[in-house]
C-alpha atoms as a PDB file:
ATOM      1  CA  MET A   1     131.860  99.821 240.361  1.00  0.00           C
ATOM      2  CA  ASN A   2     131.920 100.331 236.461  1.00  0.00           C
ATOM      3  CA  ARG A   3     129.319 103.157 234.891  1.00  0.00           C
ATOM      4  CA  ARG A   4     127.249 100.542 233.220  1.00  0.00           C
ATOM      5  CA  ASP A   5     126.519  98.626 237.148  1.00  0.00           C
ATOM      6  CA  LEU A   6     125.344 101.605 238.231  1.00  0.00           C
ATOM      7  CA  VAL A   7     123.052 102.467 235.613  1.00  0.00           C
ATOM      8  CA  GLN A   8     121.731  99.060 235.511  1.00  0.00           C
ATOM      9  CA  LYS A   9     121.300  99.675 239.194  1.00  0.00           C
ATOM     10  CA  ILE A  10     119.235 103.004 238.940  1.00  0.00           C
ATOM     11  CA  VAL A  11     117.168 101.639 236.157  1.00  0.00           C
ATOM     12  CA  LEU A  12     116.327  98.585 238.346  1.00  0.00           C
ATOM     13  CA  GLY A  13     115.812 100.521 241.403  1.00  0.00           C
ATOM     14  CA  GLY A  14     113.322 103.476 239.760  1.00  0.00           C
ATOM     15  CA  GLY A  15     111.084 100.966 238.101  1.00  0.00           C
ATOM     16  CA  VAL A  16     110.857  99.159 241.725  1.00  0.00           C
ATOM     17  CA  ILE A  17     109.431 102.518 242.952  1.00  0.00           C
ATOM     18  CA  LEU A  18     107.613 102.929 240.010  1.00  0.00           C
ATOM     19  CA  LEU A  19     105.656  99.591 239.994  1.00  0.00           C
ATOM     20  CA  ALA A  20     105.520  98.824 244.111  1.00  0.00           C
ATOM     21  CA  PRO A  21     102.200 101.318 244.685  1.00  0.00           C
ATOM     22  CA  SER A  22     100.211  99.286 241.890  1.00  0.00           C
ATOM     23  CA  VAL A  23     101.192  95.859 243.064  1.00  0.00           C
ATOM     24  CA  LEU A  24     100.182  96.517 246.849  1.00  0.00           C
ATOM     25  CA  GLU A  25      97.501  98.306 245.006  1.00  0.00           C
ATOM     26  CA  SER A  26      96.089  95.710 243.249  1.00  0.00           C
ATOM     27  CA  CYS A  27      96.394  92.976 245.798  1.00  0.00           C
ATOM     28  CA  SER A  28      94.239  95.081 248.236  1.00  0.00           C
ATOM     29  CA  LYS A  29      91.040  92.785 249.958  1.00  0.00           C
ATOM     30  CA  SER A  30      88.252  95.605 249.231  1.00  0.00           C
ATOM     31  CA  SER A  31      87.434  97.420 246.701  1.00  0.00           C
ATOM     32  CA  ALA A  32      84.124  98.710 248.376  1.00  0.00           C
ATOM     33  CA  ASN A  33      85.752 102.446 249.013  1.00  0.00           C
ATOM     34  CA  SER A  34      87.012 103.221 245.657  1.00  0.00           C
ATOM     35  CA  PRO A  35      85.212 104.652 242.676  1.00  0.00           C
ATOM     36  CA  GLY A  36      82.997 102.014 241.057  1.00  0.00           C
ATOM     37  CA  GLY A  37      83.435  99.429 243.472  1.00  0.00           C
ATOM     38  CA  ASN A  38      81.407  97.314 244.455  1.00  0.00           C
ATOM     39  CA  THR A  39      78.954  98.711 247.421  1.00  0.00           C
ATOM     40  CA  ASN A  40      76.536  96.019 247.897  1.00  0.00           C
ATOM     41  CA  PRO A  41      77.147  92.827 249.947  1.00  0.00           C
ATOM     42  CA  THR A  42      77.694  89.312 247.636  1.00  0.00           C
ATOM     43  CA  THR A  43      74.387  87.084 247.984  1.00  0.00           C
ATOM     44  CA  ILE A  44      73.897  83.593 247.455  1.00  0.00           C
ATOM     45  CA  THR A  45      70.168  82.601 246.333  1.00  0.00           C
ATOM     46  CA  LEU A  46      67.950  79.396 246.817  1.00  0.00           C
ATOM     47  CA  ASP A  47      65.380  78.574 244.897  1.00  0.00           C
ATOM     48  CA  LEU A  48      62.961  76.079 247.018  1.00  0.00           C
ATOM     49  CA  THR A  49      61.607  74.816 244.105  1.00  0.00           C
ATOM     50  CA  GLN A  50      64.415  73.212 242.846  1.00  0.00           C
ATOM     51  CA  ALA A  51      65.379  69.801 243.191  1.00  0.00           C
ATOM     52  CA  GLY A  52      68.809  70.526 244.991  1.00  0.00           C
ATOM     53  CA  ASN A  53      67.495  72.434 247.548  1.00  0.00           C
ATOM     54  CA  SER A  54      64.228  70.584 247.996  1.00  0.00           C
ATOM     55  CA  ALA A  55      65.991  69.048 251.678  1.00  0.00           C
ATOM     56  CA  LEU A  56      65.262  72.438 252.806  1.00  0.00           C
ATOM     57  CA  ASN A  57      61.400  72.363 252.417  1.00  0.00           C
ATOM     58  CA  THR A  58      61.258  69.646 255.191  1.00  0.00           C
ATOM     59  CA  ASP A  59      61.694  70.268 259.252  1.00  0.00           C
ATOM     60  CA  GLY A  60      65.501  69.359 259.834  1.00  0.00           C
ATOM     61  CA  GLY A  61      66.551  69.231 256.153  1.00  0.00           C
ATOM     62  CA  SER A  62      69.535  70.990 255.445  1.00  0.00           C
ATOM     63  CA  ILE A  63      72.464  71.331 252.165  1.00  0.00           C
ATOM     64  CA  ILE A  64      76.021  72.967 251.683  1.00  0.00           C
ATOM     65  CA  VAL A  65      76.429  75.246 249.279  1.00  0.00           C
ATOM     66  CA  GLN A  66      79.638  77.237 248.620  1.00  0.00           C
ATOM     67  CA  ASP A  67      80.755  75.763 252.362  1.00  0.00           C
ATOM     68  CA  ILE A  68      77.959  77.098 253.810  1.00  0.00           C
ATOM     69  CA  LEU A  69      75.481  74.870 256.081  1.00  0.00           C
ATOM     70  CA  VAL A  70      71.992  75.788 255.144  1.00  0.00           C
ATOM     71  CA  ALA A  71      69.220  74.076 257.565  1.00  0.00           C
ATOM     72  CA  ASN A  72      65.616  74.097 258.225  1.00  0.00           C
ATOM     73  CA  THR A  73      65.659  74.152 261.782  1.00  0.00           C
ATOM     74  CA  GLY A  74      61.448  73.702 261.680  1.00  0.00           C
ATOM     75  CA  SER A  75      58.856  76.212 261.461  1.00  0.00           C
ATOM     76  CA  SER A  76      59.966  77.582 257.867  1.00  0.00           C
ATOM     77  CA  LYS A  77      63.014  78.995 260.277  1.00  0.00           C
ATOM     78  CA  TYR A  78      66.375  78.816 258.395  1.00  0.00           C
ATOM     79  CA  ILE A  79      70.260  79.185 259.509  1.00  0.00           C
ATOM     80  CA  ALA A  80      73.713  79.619 257.444  1.00  0.00           C
ATOM     81  CA  LEU A  81      76.580  78.761 259.268  1.00  0.00           C
ATOM     82  CA  SER A  82      79.896  78.078 258.017  1.00  0.00           C
ATOM     83  CA  SER A  83      80.259  74.099 257.476  1.00  0.00           C
ATOM     84  CA  ILE A  84      83.930  74.139 258.437  1.00  0.00           C
ATOM     85  CA  CYS A  85      84.952  72.813 261.699  1.00  0.00           C
ATOM     86  CA  THR A  86      87.179  75.365 263.526  1.00  0.00           C
ATOM     87  CA  HIS A  87      89.136  72.855 265.342  1.00  0.00           C
ATOM     88  CA  GLN A  88      90.761  70.996 262.065  1.00  0.00           C
ATOM     89  CA  GLY A  89      89.002  71.899 259.281  1.00  0.00           C
ATOM     90  CA  CYS A  90      86.038  68.637 259.145  1.00  0.00           C
ATOM     91  CA  THR A  91      82.678  69.562 257.753  1.00  0.00           C
ATOM     92  CA  VAL A  92      79.828  69.797 259.790  1.00  0.00           C
ATOM     93  CA  ALA A  93      76.426  68.375 259.994  1.00  0.00           C
ATOM     94  CA  TYR A  94      73.083  69.484 260.946  1.00  0.00           C
ATOM     95  CA  ILE A  95      71.646  67.317 263.264  1.00  0.00           C
ATOM     96  CA  SER A  96      67.967  67.615 263.577  1.00  0.00           C
ATOM     97  CA  GLY A  97      67.219  65.057 266.464  1.00  0.00           C
ATOM     98  CA  ALA A  98      69.763  66.799 268.534  1.00  0.00           C
ATOM     99  CA  GLY A  99      68.905  70.584 267.453  1.00  0.00           C
ATOM    100  CA  ASN A 100      72.657  71.003 266.975  1.00  0.00           C
ATOM    101  CA  ILE A 101      75.519  70.902 264.650  1.00  0.00           C
ATOM    102  CA  GLN A 102      77.966  68.407 265.038  1.00  0.00           C
ATOM    103  CA  CYS A 103      81.575  67.268 263.955  1.00  0.00           C
ATOM    104  CA  PRO A 104      82.291  63.723 263.300  1.00  0.00           C
ATOM    105  CA  CYS A 105      85.746  64.125 263.097  1.00  0.00           C
ATOM    106  CA  HIS A 106      86.655  64.920 266.941  1.00  0.00           C
ATOM    107  CA  GLY A 107      82.864  65.814 268.295  1.00  0.00           C
ATOM    108  CA  SER A 108      83.095  69.351 268.082  1.00  0.00           C
ATOM    109  CA  VAL A 109      79.567  69.912 268.799  1.00  0.00           C
ATOM    110  CA  TYR A 110      77.806  73.891 268.050  1.00  0.00           C
ATOM    111  CA  ALA A 111      74.971  75.309 268.559  1.00  0.00           C
ATOM    112  CA  THR A 112      72.348  76.211 265.768  1.00  0.00           C
ATOM    113  CA  SER A 113      73.934  79.958 266.449  1.00  0.00           C
ATOM    114  CA  GLY A 114      77.096  78.563 265.900  1.00  0.00           C
ATOM    115  CA  SER A 115      78.678  78.960 269.121  1.00  0.00           C
ATOM    116  CA  VAL A 116      80.617  76.035 270.688  1.00  0.00           C
ATOM    117  CA  ILE A 117      78.827  73.637 273.092  1.00  0.00           C
ATOM    118  CA  THR A 118      81.530  71.005 273.523  1.00  0.00           C
ATOM    119  CA  GLY A 119      85.057  71.138 272.066  1.00  0.00           C
ATOM    120  CA  PRO A 120      87.554  70.916 271.247  1.00  0.00           C
ATOM    121  CA  ALA A 121      86.875  73.582 268.447  1.00  0.00           C
ATOM    122  CA  PRO A 122      88.476  76.480 269.676  1.00  0.00           C
ATOM    123  CA  ALA A 123      85.588  79.215 267.774  1.00  0.00           C
ATOM    124  CA  ALA A 124      82.102  79.569 266.866  1.00  0.00           C
ATOM    125  CA  LEU A 125      80.928  78.800 263.409  1.00  0.00           C
ATOM    126  CA  LYS A 126      80.847  81.987 261.085  1.00  0.00           C
ATOM    127  CA  SER A 127      77.480  82.857 260.617  1.00  0.00           C
ATOM    128  CA  TYR A 128      75.471  84.510 257.821  1.00  0.00           C
ATOM    129  CA  VAL A 129      71.961  86.332 257.705  1.00  0.00           C
ATOM    130  CA  ILE A 130      69.410  84.711 255.898  1.00  0.00           C
ATOM    131  CA  SER A 131      66.264  85.479 254.587  1.00  0.00           C
ATOM    132  CA  LYS A 132      63.370  84.169 252.795  1.00  0.00           C
ATOM    133  CA  THR A 133      60.783  85.321 250.361  1.00  0.00           C
ATOM    134  CA  GLY A 134      58.454  83.652 248.789  1.00  0.00           C
ATOM    135  CA  ASN A 135      60.108  80.254 247.558  1.00  0.00           C
ATOM    136  CA  ILE A 136      63.930  81.918 247.467  1.00  0.00           C
ATOM    137  CA  LEU A 137      66.434  81.912 250.659  1.00  0.00           C
ATOM    138  CA  THR A 138      68.919  84.485 249.937  1.00  0.00           C
ATOM    139  CA  LEU A 139      72.358  84.398 252.282  1.00  0.00           C
ATOM    140  CA  THR A 140      74.083  87.629 252.756  1.00  0.00           C
ATOM    141  CA  LEU A 141      77.968  87.081 252.679  1.00  0.00           C
END
């Protein structure tokens, strides 16, 4: 190995060692514990007076927003669950007459809590906290 090759390898290796910690830190999933990080959970608000959300004013009505199924299960009670079936990723739907969530692709059925009633789905749908204040629904992600 000549001198030029040795110097190039030392410079390249030193650069990798110096840059690796900052690159790995920038790939971190959460900045909630770092100074200035967002410590508030992410929320989605739905104004029930807007036309796109009007289905939620009716018992049994539902919409999907950002891969979240939001449904009015009756008596102004709302649920918010992932709209993605845990079996093979099809979009599920709230079936008000049956009072459950069904996947049209392979027949999985979920309770309004998100738990599996009938497979082949291997796991429950993720549920989200939802609250209503006036005409505003707030989903906490």
